[in-house]
C-alpha cells in the first residue's frame, strides 16, 4: 500500500465531518500499486476483516466496497458472490460506486500511530511535517502493524527501510510483540 486515509463516502451530504456526517459511511481510502498488490488481494483482506453476513448496525458503520471503474466493480461483485457461496447465506456487505471521498479530520488520521506519541513525532521530524508524515507509505504501514495487521516478515522488511532510529524501531517492536505471526 502506498497510502491510506480515513474519511467519509457513500452519501450525498457535501463536506461531511465527524460531528455532521449526514448519510455518509466511515471508510478507508487505499492508494495501492497494482504491481505490488492486486485489487483481488485487497478484496480478500476486506472480506476477512469482518463478518459479511452480520447485521448492519447503521449507515455510518456499514461494511461497503466503494469501487472506481467497471473492472473494480466486476471484481468486487465476483468476490461477493464467492463469499456468499462459501457462507451459504446472504451477504449484507454492500458494493457501490465511489462518487466522492472526503478525508476525515486530521486528528482521525493514523489513529493507532498517533496513540504512540514519540513514534509519531519521530515520523513527523523525519518527513518534515505532520501532513507529509500522515500521507507517507511508512506511516500507513506502521499504523497497520500497530493495528494488528501484517506479520513478522513484513515488519522486519518495513523496519529495514524505515529510517527510524534504533529507539523508534525498538519502541514499535515492543508495542506489537505478541501479536506478530
N, C-alpha and C. Protein backbone atom coordinates (compact mmCIF):
# COMPACT_ATOMS: atom_id res chain seq x y z
N UNK A 1 0.83 -1.18 0.00
CA UNK A 1 0.00 0.00 0.00
C UNK A 1 0.87 1.25 0.00
N UNK A 2 0.44 2.21 -0.75
CA UNK A 2 1.19 3.46 -0.81
C UNK A 2 0.70 4.46 0.23
N UNK A 3 -0.62 4.50 0.43
CA UNK A 3 -1.18 5.45 1.38
C UNK A 3 -2.57 4.99 1.79
N UNK A 4 -2.92 5.28 3.02
CA UNK A 4 -4.29 5.08 3.48
C UNK A 4 -4.75 6.35 4.16
N UNK A 5 -6.02 6.62 4.03
CA UNK A 5 -6.63 7.75 4.73
C UNK A 5 -8.02 7.32 5.16
N UNK A 6 -8.43 7.76 6.33
CA UNK A 6 -9.80 7.52 6.75
C UNK A 6 -10.64 8.72 6.35
N UNK A 7 -11.91 8.46 6.14
CA UNK A 7 -12.78 9.55 5.73
C UNK A 7 -14.22 9.11 5.63
N UNK A 8 -14.96 9.83 4.81
CA UNK A 8 -16.40 9.63 4.67
C UNK A 8 -16.74 9.53 3.19
N UNK A 9 -17.66 8.62 2.86
CA UNK A 9 -18.09 8.46 1.47
C UNK A 9 -19.42 7.72 1.46
N UNK A 10 -20.02 7.67 0.28
CA UNK A 10 -21.23 6.89 0.09
C UNK A 10 -22.52 7.64 0.35
N UNK A 11 -22.45 8.92 0.66
CA UNK A 11 -23.65 9.71 0.92
C UNK A 11 -23.74 10.89 -0.02
N UNK A 12 -24.72 11.74 0.22
CA UNK A 12 -24.92 12.89 -0.65
C UNK A 12 -24.57 14.22 0.01
N UNK A 13 -24.44 14.25 1.32
CA UNK A 13 -24.11 15.49 2.03
C UNK A 13 -22.74 15.99 1.58
N UNK A 14 -22.66 17.27 1.31
CA UNK A 14 -21.38 17.86 0.91
C UNK A 14 -20.55 18.18 2.15
N UNK A 15 -19.25 17.93 2.07
CA UNK A 15 -18.29 18.27 3.11
C UNK A 15 -18.67 17.75 4.50
N UNK A 16 -18.88 16.44 4.62
CA UNK A 16 -19.23 15.90 5.94
C UNK A 16 -18.07 16.02 6.92
N UNK A 17 -18.40 16.02 8.19
CA UNK A 17 -17.42 16.00 9.27
C UNK A 17 -17.85 14.91 10.24
N UNK A 18 -17.00 14.58 11.17
CA UNK A 18 -17.34 13.55 12.14
C UNK A 18 -18.59 13.92 12.93
N UNK A 19 -18.73 15.19 13.26
CA UNK A 19 -19.89 15.63 14.04
C UNK A 19 -21.12 15.92 13.18
N UNK A 20 -20.95 15.95 11.88
CA UNK A 20 -22.07 16.23 10.97
C UNK A 20 -21.87 15.42 9.69
N UNK A 21 -22.01 14.11 9.84
CA UNK A 21 -21.68 13.18 8.77
C UNK A 21 -22.80 13.02 7.74
N UNK A 22 -24.01 13.32 8.13
CA UNK A 22 -25.12 13.10 7.21
C UNK A 22 -25.30 11.62 6.95
N UNK A 23 -25.47 11.27 5.68
CA UNK A 23 -25.73 9.87 5.32
C UNK A 23 -24.48 9.14 4.82
N UNK A 24 -23.31 9.63 5.17
CA UNK A 24 -22.06 9.00 4.74
C UNK A 24 -21.68 7.83 5.65
N UNK A 25 -20.73 7.05 5.19
CA UNK A 25 -20.17 5.93 5.92
C UNK A 25 -18.71 6.25 6.22
N UNK A 26 -18.25 5.84 7.39
CA UNK A 26 -16.82 5.96 7.70
C UNK A 26 -16.09 4.91 6.88
N UNK A 27 -15.08 5.34 6.11
CA UNK A 27 -14.39 4.45 5.19
C UNK A 27 -12.87 4.65 5.26
N UNK A 28 -12.16 3.72 4.65
CA UNK A 28 -10.72 3.83 4.49
C UNK A 28 -10.42 3.88 3.00
N UNK A 29 -9.72 4.92 2.58
CA UNK A 29 -9.26 5.02 1.20
C UNK A 29 -7.88 4.36 1.13
N UNK A 30 -7.71 3.47 0.15
CA UNK A 30 -6.45 2.76 -0.01
C UNK A 30 -5.88 3.09 -1.38
N UNK A 31 -4.72 3.75 -1.39
CA UNK A 31 -3.99 4.00 -2.63
C UNK A 31 -2.94 2.90 -2.72
N UNK A 32 -2.99 2.11 -3.78
CA UNK A 32 -2.09 0.97 -3.88
C UNK A 32 -1.45 0.88 -5.25
N UNK A 33 -0.33 0.19 -5.29
CA UNK A 33 0.40 -0.08 -6.53
C UNK A 33 0.03 -1.48 -6.97
N UNK A 34 -0.67 -1.61 -8.08
CA UNK A 34 -1.14 -2.92 -8.52
C UNK A 34 0.00 -3.85 -8.92
N UNK A 35 1.20 -3.31 -9.08
CA UNK A 35 2.37 -4.18 -9.33
C UNK A 35 2.84 -4.83 -8.03
N UNK A 36 2.45 -4.25 -6.89
CA UNK A 36 2.84 -4.76 -5.58
C UNK A 36 1.76 -5.62 -4.93
N UNK A 37 0.50 -5.21 -5.09
CA UNK A 37 -0.63 -5.94 -4.51
C UNK A 37 -1.83 -5.78 -5.44
N UNK A 38 -2.54 -6.84 -5.66
CA UNK A 38 -3.67 -6.80 -6.58
C UNK A 38 -4.94 -6.32 -5.87
N UNK A 39 -5.86 -5.83 -6.66
CA UNK A 39 -7.17 -5.44 -6.12
C UNK A 39 -7.86 -6.66 -5.52
N UNK A 40 -7.68 -7.81 -6.16
CA UNK A 40 -8.28 -9.05 -5.63
C UNK A 40 -7.76 -9.35 -4.23
N UNK A 41 -6.47 -9.13 -3.98
CA UNK A 41 -5.89 -9.36 -2.66
C UNK A 41 -6.48 -8.38 -1.65
N UNK A 42 -6.67 -7.13 -2.05
CA UNK A 42 -7.30 -6.16 -1.16
C UNK A 42 -8.73 -6.58 -0.82
N UNK A 43 -9.43 -7.14 -1.80
CA UNK A 43 -10.78 -7.64 -1.54
C UNK A 43 -10.74 -8.79 -0.53
N UNK A 44 -9.76 -9.67 -0.62
CA UNK A 44 -9.61 -10.75 0.36
C UNK A 44 -9.44 -10.19 1.76
N UNK A 45 -8.63 -9.15 1.88
CA UNK A 45 -8.42 -8.51 3.19
C UNK A 45 -9.74 -7.94 3.70
N UNK A 46 -10.49 -7.27 2.82
CA UNK A 46 -11.78 -6.71 3.20
C UNK A 46 -12.70 -7.79 3.75
N UNK A 47 -12.85 -8.89 3.01
CA UNK A 47 -13.78 -9.94 3.43
C UNK A 47 -13.33 -10.63 4.71
N UNK A 48 -12.02 -10.73 4.92
CA UNK A 48 -11.53 -11.41 6.12
C UNK A 48 -11.58 -10.53 7.36
N UNK A 49 -11.80 -9.24 7.18
CA UNK A 49 -11.75 -8.30 8.31
C UNK A 49 -13.11 -8.08 9.00
N UNK A 50 -14.15 -8.73 8.51
CA UNK A 50 -15.46 -8.55 9.14
C UNK A 50 -16.36 -9.75 8.83
N UNK A 51 -17.50 -9.79 9.47
CA UNK A 51 -18.49 -10.83 9.20
C UNK A 51 -19.43 -10.32 8.12
N UNK A 52 -19.28 -10.81 6.88
CA UNK A 52 -20.08 -10.28 5.77
C UNK A 52 -21.58 -10.55 5.90
N UNK A 53 -21.94 -11.54 6.71
CA UNK A 53 -23.36 -11.86 6.89
C UNK A 53 -23.92 -11.21 8.15
N UNK A 54 -23.07 -10.47 8.86
CA UNK A 54 -23.50 -9.85 10.11
C UNK A 54 -24.45 -8.69 9.90
N UNK A 55 -25.09 -8.34 10.99
CA UNK A 55 -26.06 -7.26 10.99
C UNK A 55 -25.41 -5.93 10.64
N UNK A 56 -26.11 -5.11 9.87
CA UNK A 56 -25.66 -3.74 9.59
C UNK A 56 -26.25 -2.86 10.68
N UNK A 57 -25.38 -2.30 11.52
CA UNK A 57 -25.84 -1.53 12.68
C UNK A 57 -26.30 -0.13 12.30
N UNK A 58 -25.65 0.47 11.34
CA UNK A 58 -26.03 1.82 10.93
C UNK A 58 -25.33 2.12 9.61
N UNK A 59 -25.79 3.11 8.92
CA UNK A 59 -25.15 3.52 7.68
C UNK A 59 -23.72 3.99 7.96
N UNK A 60 -23.51 4.63 9.09
CA UNK A 60 -22.19 5.14 9.45
C UNK A 60 -21.16 4.02 9.55
N UNK A 61 -21.57 2.86 10.04
CA UNK A 61 -20.63 1.78 10.30
C UNK A 61 -20.85 0.54 9.42
N UNK A 62 -21.53 0.68 8.31
CA UNK A 62 -21.78 -0.48 7.45
C UNK A 62 -20.50 -0.93 6.76
N UNK A 63 -20.50 -2.16 6.27
CA UNK A 63 -19.38 -2.69 5.50
C UNK A 63 -19.69 -2.50 4.03
N UNK A 64 -18.85 -1.73 3.35
CA UNK A 64 -19.12 -1.41 1.95
C UNK A 64 -17.81 -1.34 1.18
N UNK A 65 -17.87 -1.84 -0.05
CA UNK A 65 -16.78 -1.66 -1.01
C UNK A 65 -17.23 -0.55 -1.95
N UNK A 66 -16.43 0.49 -2.03
CA UNK A 66 -16.72 1.59 -2.95
C UNK A 66 -15.71 1.49 -4.10
N UNK A 67 -16.18 1.09 -5.24
CA UNK A 67 -15.30 0.82 -6.38
C UNK A 67 -15.13 2.05 -7.26
N UNK A 68 -14.05 2.02 -8.02
CA UNK A 68 -13.77 3.04 -9.03
C UNK A 68 -13.57 2.29 -10.34
N UNK A 69 -14.44 2.46 -11.29
CA UNK A 69 -14.30 1.84 -12.60
C UNK A 69 -14.98 0.48 -12.69
N UNK A 70 -15.28 0.10 -13.92
CA UNK A 70 -16.01 -1.14 -14.19
C UNK A 70 -15.25 -2.40 -13.78
N UNK A 71 -13.93 -2.40 -13.97
CA UNK A 71 -13.15 -3.59 -13.61
C UNK A 71 -13.21 -3.85 -12.10
N UNK A 72 -13.05 -2.79 -11.30
CA UNK A 72 -13.17 -2.97 -9.85
C UNK A 72 -14.58 -3.43 -9.48
N UNK A 73 -15.58 -2.90 -10.15
CA UNK A 73 -16.96 -3.31 -9.87
C UNK A 73 -17.13 -4.81 -10.13
N UNK A 74 -16.66 -5.27 -11.29
CA UNK A 74 -16.77 -6.69 -11.64
C UNK A 74 -16.06 -7.58 -10.62
N UNK A 75 -14.85 -7.20 -10.25
CA UNK A 75 -14.08 -7.99 -9.29
C UNK A 75 -14.75 -8.00 -7.92
N UNK A 76 -15.26 -6.85 -7.49
CA UNK A 76 -15.94 -6.77 -6.19
C UNK A 76 -17.20 -7.64 -6.19
N UNK A 77 -17.98 -7.56 -7.26
CA UNK A 77 -19.21 -8.36 -7.34
C UNK A 77 -18.89 -9.86 -7.38
N UNK A 78 -17.85 -10.22 -8.11
CA UNK A 78 -17.44 -11.64 -8.16
C UNK A 78 -17.00 -12.11 -6.78
N UNK A 79 -16.24 -11.27 -6.06
CA UNK A 79 -15.78 -11.65 -4.73
C UNK A 79 -16.96 -11.79 -3.77
N UNK A 80 -17.96 -10.93 -3.88
CA UNK A 80 -19.15 -11.04 -3.04
C UNK A 80 -19.87 -12.36 -3.30
N UNK A 81 -20.04 -12.70 -4.58
CA UNK A 81 -20.71 -13.96 -4.92
C UNK A 81 -19.92 -15.15 -4.38
N UNK A 82 -18.61 -15.10 -4.49
CA UNK A 82 -17.76 -16.18 -3.99
C UNK A 82 -17.93 -16.34 -2.48
N UNK A 83 -17.93 -15.25 -1.75
CA UNK A 83 -18.10 -15.28 -0.29
C UNK A 83 -19.49 -15.80 0.06
N UNK A 84 -20.48 -15.32 -0.66
CA UNK A 84 -21.86 -15.75 -0.41
C UNK A 84 -22.01 -17.25 -0.64
N UNK A 85 -21.41 -17.75 -1.72
CA UNK A 85 -21.47 -19.20 -2.00
C UNK A 85 -20.76 -19.99 -0.91
N UNK A 86 -19.63 -19.47 -0.44
CA UNK A 86 -18.86 -20.16 0.60
C UNK A 86 -19.63 -20.20 1.92
N UNK A 87 -20.28 -19.08 2.26
CA UNK A 87 -21.01 -18.99 3.52
C UNK A 87 -22.37 -19.69 3.47
N UNK A 88 -22.95 -19.75 2.26
CA UNK A 88 -24.27 -20.35 2.11
C UNK A 88 -25.37 -19.50 2.71
N UNK A 89 -25.13 -18.21 2.83
CA UNK A 89 -26.11 -17.28 3.40
C UNK A 89 -25.93 -15.92 2.72
N UNK A 90 -26.98 -15.12 2.70
CA UNK A 90 -26.84 -13.80 2.06
C UNK A 90 -25.78 -12.93 2.73
N UNK A 91 -25.03 -12.22 1.91
CA UNK A 91 -24.01 -11.28 2.38
C UNK A 91 -24.66 -9.92 2.49
N UNK A 92 -24.44 -9.27 3.63
CA UNK A 92 -25.04 -7.95 3.86
C UNK A 92 -24.09 -6.81 3.53
N UNK A 93 -22.82 -7.11 3.35
CA UNK A 93 -21.86 -6.09 2.91
C UNK A 93 -22.31 -5.60 1.54
N UNK A 94 -22.07 -4.34 1.26
CA UNK A 94 -22.59 -3.74 0.05
C UNK A 94 -21.47 -3.33 -0.90
N UNK A 95 -21.83 -3.16 -2.16
CA UNK A 95 -20.90 -2.71 -3.19
C UNK A 95 -21.56 -1.54 -3.91
N UNK A 96 -20.85 -0.41 -3.94
CA UNK A 96 -21.38 0.80 -4.57
C UNK A 96 -20.26 1.55 -5.28
N UNK A 97 -20.65 2.37 -6.21
CA UNK A 97 -19.70 3.24 -6.91
C UNK A 97 -19.26 4.37 -5.97
N UNK A 98 -17.97 4.69 -5.98
CA UNK A 98 -17.45 5.81 -5.20
C UNK A 98 -17.66 7.09 -5.99
N UNK A 99 -18.44 7.99 -5.42
CA UNK A 99 -18.62 9.30 -6.05
C UNK A 99 -17.56 10.26 -5.54
N UNK A 100 -17.55 10.51 -4.24
CA UNK A 100 -16.59 11.45 -3.65
C UNK A 100 -16.11 10.91 -2.33
N UNK A 101 -14.81 11.00 -2.11
CA UNK A 101 -14.21 10.66 -0.82
C UNK A 101 -13.85 11.96 -0.13
N UNK A 102 -14.29 12.09 1.11
CA UNK A 102 -13.97 13.26 1.93
C UNK A 102 -13.03 12.82 3.04
N UNK A 103 -11.79 13.28 3.06
CA UNK A 103 -10.89 12.89 4.15
C UNK A 103 -11.45 13.34 5.50
N UNK A 104 -11.29 12.48 6.49
CA UNK A 104 -11.69 12.84 7.86
C UNK A 104 -10.74 13.89 8.39
N UNK A 105 -11.13 14.49 9.48
CA UNK A 105 -10.32 15.49 10.13
C UNK A 105 -8.94 14.91 10.44
N UNK A 106 -7.95 15.76 10.44
CA UNK A 106 -6.55 15.33 10.60
C UNK A 106 -6.36 14.49 11.86
N UNK A 107 -7.01 14.84 12.96
CA UNK A 107 -6.80 14.10 14.21
C UNK A 107 -7.32 12.67 14.15
N UNK A 108 -8.11 12.33 13.13
CA UNK A 108 -8.57 10.95 12.96
C UNK A 108 -7.58 10.11 12.15
N UNK A 109 -6.69 10.75 11.40
CA UNK A 109 -5.77 10.04 10.52
C UNK A 109 -4.70 9.30 11.33
N UNK A 110 -4.44 8.05 10.97
CA UNK A 110 -3.40 7.21 11.60
C UNK A 110 -3.60 7.14 13.11
N UNK A 111 -4.81 6.78 13.49
CA UNK A 111 -5.19 6.77 14.91
C UNK A 111 -4.27 5.91 15.76
N UNK A 112 -3.99 4.70 15.32
CA UNK A 112 -3.13 3.80 16.12
C UNK A 112 -1.74 4.40 16.27
N UNK A 113 -1.20 4.96 15.23
CA UNK A 113 0.12 5.57 15.28
C UNK A 113 0.14 6.79 16.19
N UNK A 114 -0.88 7.61 16.13
CA UNK A 114 -0.96 8.81 16.98
C UNK A 114 -0.95 8.46 18.46
N UNK A 115 -1.48 7.29 18.81
CA UNK A 115 -1.52 6.87 20.21
C UNK A 115 -0.12 6.55 20.73
N UNK A 116 0.84 6.43 19.84
CA UNK A 116 2.25 6.21 20.20
C UNK A 116 3.00 7.50 19.89
N UNK A 117 2.79 8.48 20.74
CA UNK A 117 3.25 9.85 20.51
C UNK A 117 4.70 10.00 20.10
N UNK A 118 5.62 9.36 20.81
CA UNK A 118 7.03 9.55 20.47
C UNK A 118 7.35 8.97 19.10
N UNK A 119 6.75 7.84 18.77
CA UNK A 119 6.95 7.24 17.45
C UNK A 119 6.37 8.14 16.36
N UNK A 120 5.17 8.65 16.60
CA UNK A 120 4.54 9.55 15.65
C UNK A 120 5.38 10.82 15.47
N UNK A 121 5.85 11.38 16.57
CA UNK A 121 6.68 12.59 16.49
C UNK A 121 7.97 12.34 15.73
N UNK A 122 8.55 11.15 15.86
CA UNK A 122 9.75 10.83 15.09
C UNK A 122 9.45 10.84 13.60
N UNK A 123 8.30 10.31 13.21
CA UNK A 123 7.93 10.32 11.79
C UNK A 123 7.71 11.76 11.29
N UNK A 124 7.07 12.58 12.10
CA UNK A 124 6.86 13.98 11.72
C UNK A 124 8.20 14.66 11.48
N UNK A 125 9.16 14.43 12.37
CA UNK A 125 10.50 15.02 12.17
C UNK A 125 11.15 14.47 10.91
N UNK A 126 11.03 13.17 10.70
CA UNK A 126 11.64 12.53 9.53
C UNK A 126 11.08 13.08 8.23
N UNK A 127 9.76 13.32 8.17
CA UNK A 127 9.13 13.77 6.93
C UNK A 127 8.99 15.28 6.83
N UNK A 128 9.29 15.99 7.91
CA UNK A 128 9.32 17.45 7.86
C UNK A 128 8.02 18.14 8.22
N UNK A 129 6.92 17.39 8.25
CA UNK A 129 5.64 17.98 8.66
C UNK A 129 4.67 16.86 9.02
N UNK A 130 3.66 17.22 9.78
CA UNK A 130 2.64 16.23 10.14
C UNK A 130 1.91 15.73 8.90
N UNK A 131 1.58 16.63 8.01
CA UNK A 131 0.85 16.27 6.79
C UNK A 131 1.65 15.28 5.95
N UNK A 132 2.95 15.55 5.75
CA UNK A 132 3.79 14.65 4.96
C UNK A 132 3.93 13.29 5.64
N UNK A 133 4.05 13.30 6.96
CA UNK A 133 4.14 12.03 7.69
C UNK A 133 2.86 11.23 7.53
N UNK A 134 1.71 11.89 7.70
CA UNK A 134 0.42 11.20 7.59
C UNK A 134 0.19 10.62 6.21
N UNK A 135 0.68 11.28 5.18
CA UNK A 135 0.50 10.81 3.81
C UNK A 135 1.53 9.78 3.36
N UNK A 136 2.49 9.48 4.22
CA UNK A 136 3.58 8.59 3.81
C UNK A 136 3.17 7.11 3.84
N UNK A 137 3.80 6.36 2.97
CA UNK A 137 3.63 4.91 2.95
C UNK A 137 4.08 4.31 4.27
N UNK A 138 5.17 4.84 4.81
CA UNK A 138 5.69 4.32 6.07
C UNK A 138 4.67 4.47 7.19
N UNK A 139 4.02 5.62 7.30
CA UNK A 139 3.01 5.81 8.35
C UNK A 139 1.85 4.82 8.17
N UNK A 140 1.44 4.59 6.92
CA UNK A 140 0.36 3.63 6.66
C UNK A 140 0.77 2.24 7.13
N UNK A 141 1.99 1.85 6.84
CA UNK A 141 2.45 0.52 7.22
C UNK A 141 2.62 0.38 8.73
N UNK A 142 3.21 1.38 9.37
CA UNK A 142 3.38 1.33 10.83
C UNK A 142 2.01 1.33 11.50
N UNK A 143 1.10 2.17 11.04
CA UNK A 143 -0.24 2.21 11.60
C UNK A 143 -0.91 0.84 11.47
N UNK A 144 -0.70 0.18 10.33
CA UNK A 144 -1.24 -1.17 10.13
C UNK A 144 -0.66 -2.16 11.11
N UNK A 145 0.64 -2.12 11.31
CA UNK A 145 1.28 -3.03 12.28
C UNK A 145 0.73 -2.78 13.68
N UNK A 146 0.60 -1.51 14.05
CA UNK A 146 0.08 -1.18 15.38
C UNK A 146 -1.38 -1.60 15.53
N UNK A 147 -2.09 -1.67 14.40
CA UNK A 147 -3.48 -2.12 14.42
C UNK A 147 -3.63 -3.63 14.37
N UNK A 148 -2.49 -4.34 14.33
CA UNK A 148 -2.55 -5.80 14.36
C UNK A 148 -2.48 -6.48 13.01
N UNK A 149 -2.09 -5.76 11.98
CA UNK A 149 -2.02 -6.34 10.64
C UNK A 149 -0.58 -6.56 10.22
N UNK A 150 -0.37 -7.57 9.39
CA UNK A 150 0.97 -7.88 8.90
C UNK A 150 1.70 -8.82 9.83
N UNK A 151 2.64 -9.51 9.29
CA UNK A 151 3.40 -10.48 10.06
C UNK A 151 4.80 -10.01 10.39
N UNK A 152 5.53 -10.88 11.05
CA UNK A 152 6.90 -10.58 11.48
C UNK A 152 7.79 -10.25 10.27
N UNK A 153 7.62 -11.02 9.21
CA UNK A 153 8.42 -10.80 8.00
C UNK A 153 8.15 -9.40 7.41
N UNK A 154 6.88 -9.02 7.37
CA UNK A 154 6.51 -7.68 6.88
C UNK A 154 7.11 -6.60 7.75
N UNK A 155 7.03 -6.79 9.06
CA UNK A 155 7.58 -5.81 9.99
C UNK A 155 9.08 -5.63 9.78
N UNK A 156 9.80 -6.73 9.72
CA UNK A 156 11.26 -6.65 9.53
C UNK A 156 11.61 -5.92 8.24
N UNK A 157 10.89 -6.24 7.19
CA UNK A 157 11.12 -5.59 5.89
C UNK A 157 10.84 -4.09 5.98
N UNK A 158 9.75 -3.72 6.64
CA UNK A 158 9.39 -2.31 6.77
C UNK A 158 10.36 -1.56 7.67
N UNK A 159 10.82 -2.20 8.74
CA UNK A 159 11.77 -1.55 9.64
C UNK A 159 13.11 -1.32 8.96
N UNK A 160 13.51 -2.28 8.14
CA UNK A 160 14.81 -2.21 7.45
C UNK A 160 14.95 -0.94 6.63
N UNK A 161 13.88 -0.53 5.98
CA UNK A 161 13.96 0.65 5.12
C UNK A 161 13.19 1.85 5.68
N UNK A 162 12.89 1.83 6.99
CA UNK A 162 12.04 2.85 7.58
C UNK A 162 12.72 4.19 7.84
N UNK A 163 14.02 4.15 8.13
CA UNK A 163 14.68 5.38 8.53
C UNK A 163 14.43 5.73 9.99
N UNK A 164 13.74 4.86 10.72
CA UNK A 164 13.50 5.11 12.14
C UNK A 164 14.78 4.93 12.93
N UNK A 165 14.88 5.63 14.02
CA UNK A 165 16.02 5.47 14.93
C UNK A 165 15.97 4.08 15.55
N UNK A 166 17.08 3.66 16.13
CA UNK A 166 17.12 2.38 16.83
C UNK A 166 16.06 2.36 17.92
N UNK A 167 15.94 3.48 18.64
CA UNK A 167 14.94 3.58 19.70
C UNK A 167 13.52 3.47 19.12
N UNK A 168 13.28 4.12 17.99
CA UNK A 168 11.97 4.06 17.34
C UNK A 168 11.63 2.65 16.90
N UNK A 169 12.59 1.95 16.34
CA UNK A 169 12.37 0.56 15.92
C UNK A 169 12.04 -0.32 17.12
N UNK A 170 12.80 -0.14 18.19
CA UNK A 170 12.56 -0.94 19.40
C UNK A 170 11.19 -0.63 19.99
N UNK A 171 10.82 0.64 19.99
CA UNK A 171 9.51 1.04 20.52
C UNK A 171 8.39 0.39 19.71
N UNK A 172 8.51 0.39 18.39
CA UNK A 172 7.50 -0.22 17.55
C UNK A 172 7.42 -1.72 17.80
N UNK A 173 8.57 -2.39 17.83
CA UNK A 173 8.59 -3.83 18.06
C UNK A 173 7.94 -4.17 19.40
N UNK A 174 8.28 -3.42 20.43
CA UNK A 174 7.74 -3.68 21.76
C UNK A 174 6.22 -3.48 21.77
N UNK A 175 5.74 -2.51 21.04
CA UNK A 175 4.31 -2.22 21.00
C UNK A 175 3.49 -3.32 20.38
N UNK A 176 4.10 -4.08 19.47
CA UNK A 176 3.30 -5.10 18.77
C UNK A 176 3.74 -6.53 19.05
N UNK A 177 4.77 -6.72 19.89
CA UNK A 177 5.21 -8.09 20.15
C UNK A 177 4.06 -8.87 20.77
N UNK A 178 4.02 -10.15 20.45
CA UNK A 178 2.94 -11.00 20.92
C UNK A 178 1.79 -11.07 19.94
N UNK A 179 1.69 -10.10 19.01
CA UNK A 179 0.62 -10.12 18.01
C UNK A 179 1.13 -10.52 16.64
N UNK A 180 2.45 -10.67 16.52
CA UNK A 180 3.03 -11.00 15.22
C UNK A 180 2.85 -12.48 14.93
N UNK A 181 2.61 -12.78 13.65
CA UNK A 181 2.50 -14.18 13.24
C UNK A 181 3.73 -14.56 12.47
